[in-house]
Amino acid sequence: MEEENQSKKKTNNPKSYQERKECIKRKSMKLATLCDIKVCTVITSPNGELQTWPDNLDAYNEVLDLYSQNLKPEKKHKESSTPVPQLEEEQGEKDLLTLVESKLAVVNRRIRFLENKNVVVVDKGKRKRIE
């Protein structure tokens, strides 16, 4: 209980927020530099103010544009008038579905077999279930 109260105090502490914000910016910068990738961060302050890294809005917008382009790749296919070949992922899903259906059929046959195994024929073809 005491730890919970302390964690609430830390998150409401402006100094803690400032330190963590700077840490996130440093980590973003390291990630971009070490991995040679484009990175941007959006941070909302406790008072609702938006802050971004990098401070250069052109670089920031470039990353956001890349993100929005890759967010919904299906729309690109729907907009084009040429037919799109079936994706490997879709083929893999169909193969998986076929495999699951075949295994389900085997399980169902086994269940029917076991159900019939518990039935004994007595008195002129009448069946009686053994429990």
Foldseek 3Di string as FASTA:
>chain_A
DVVVVVVVVLLPDPVNVVVVVVVVQVVQVCCCVVVVDQDKDWDADPVGDIDMPPPPVVSVVVVVVVCVCPVDVVVVQVPDPDHDPDDPVVVVVVVVVVVVVVVVVVVVVVVVVVQVVQWDQDDPRDIDGHD
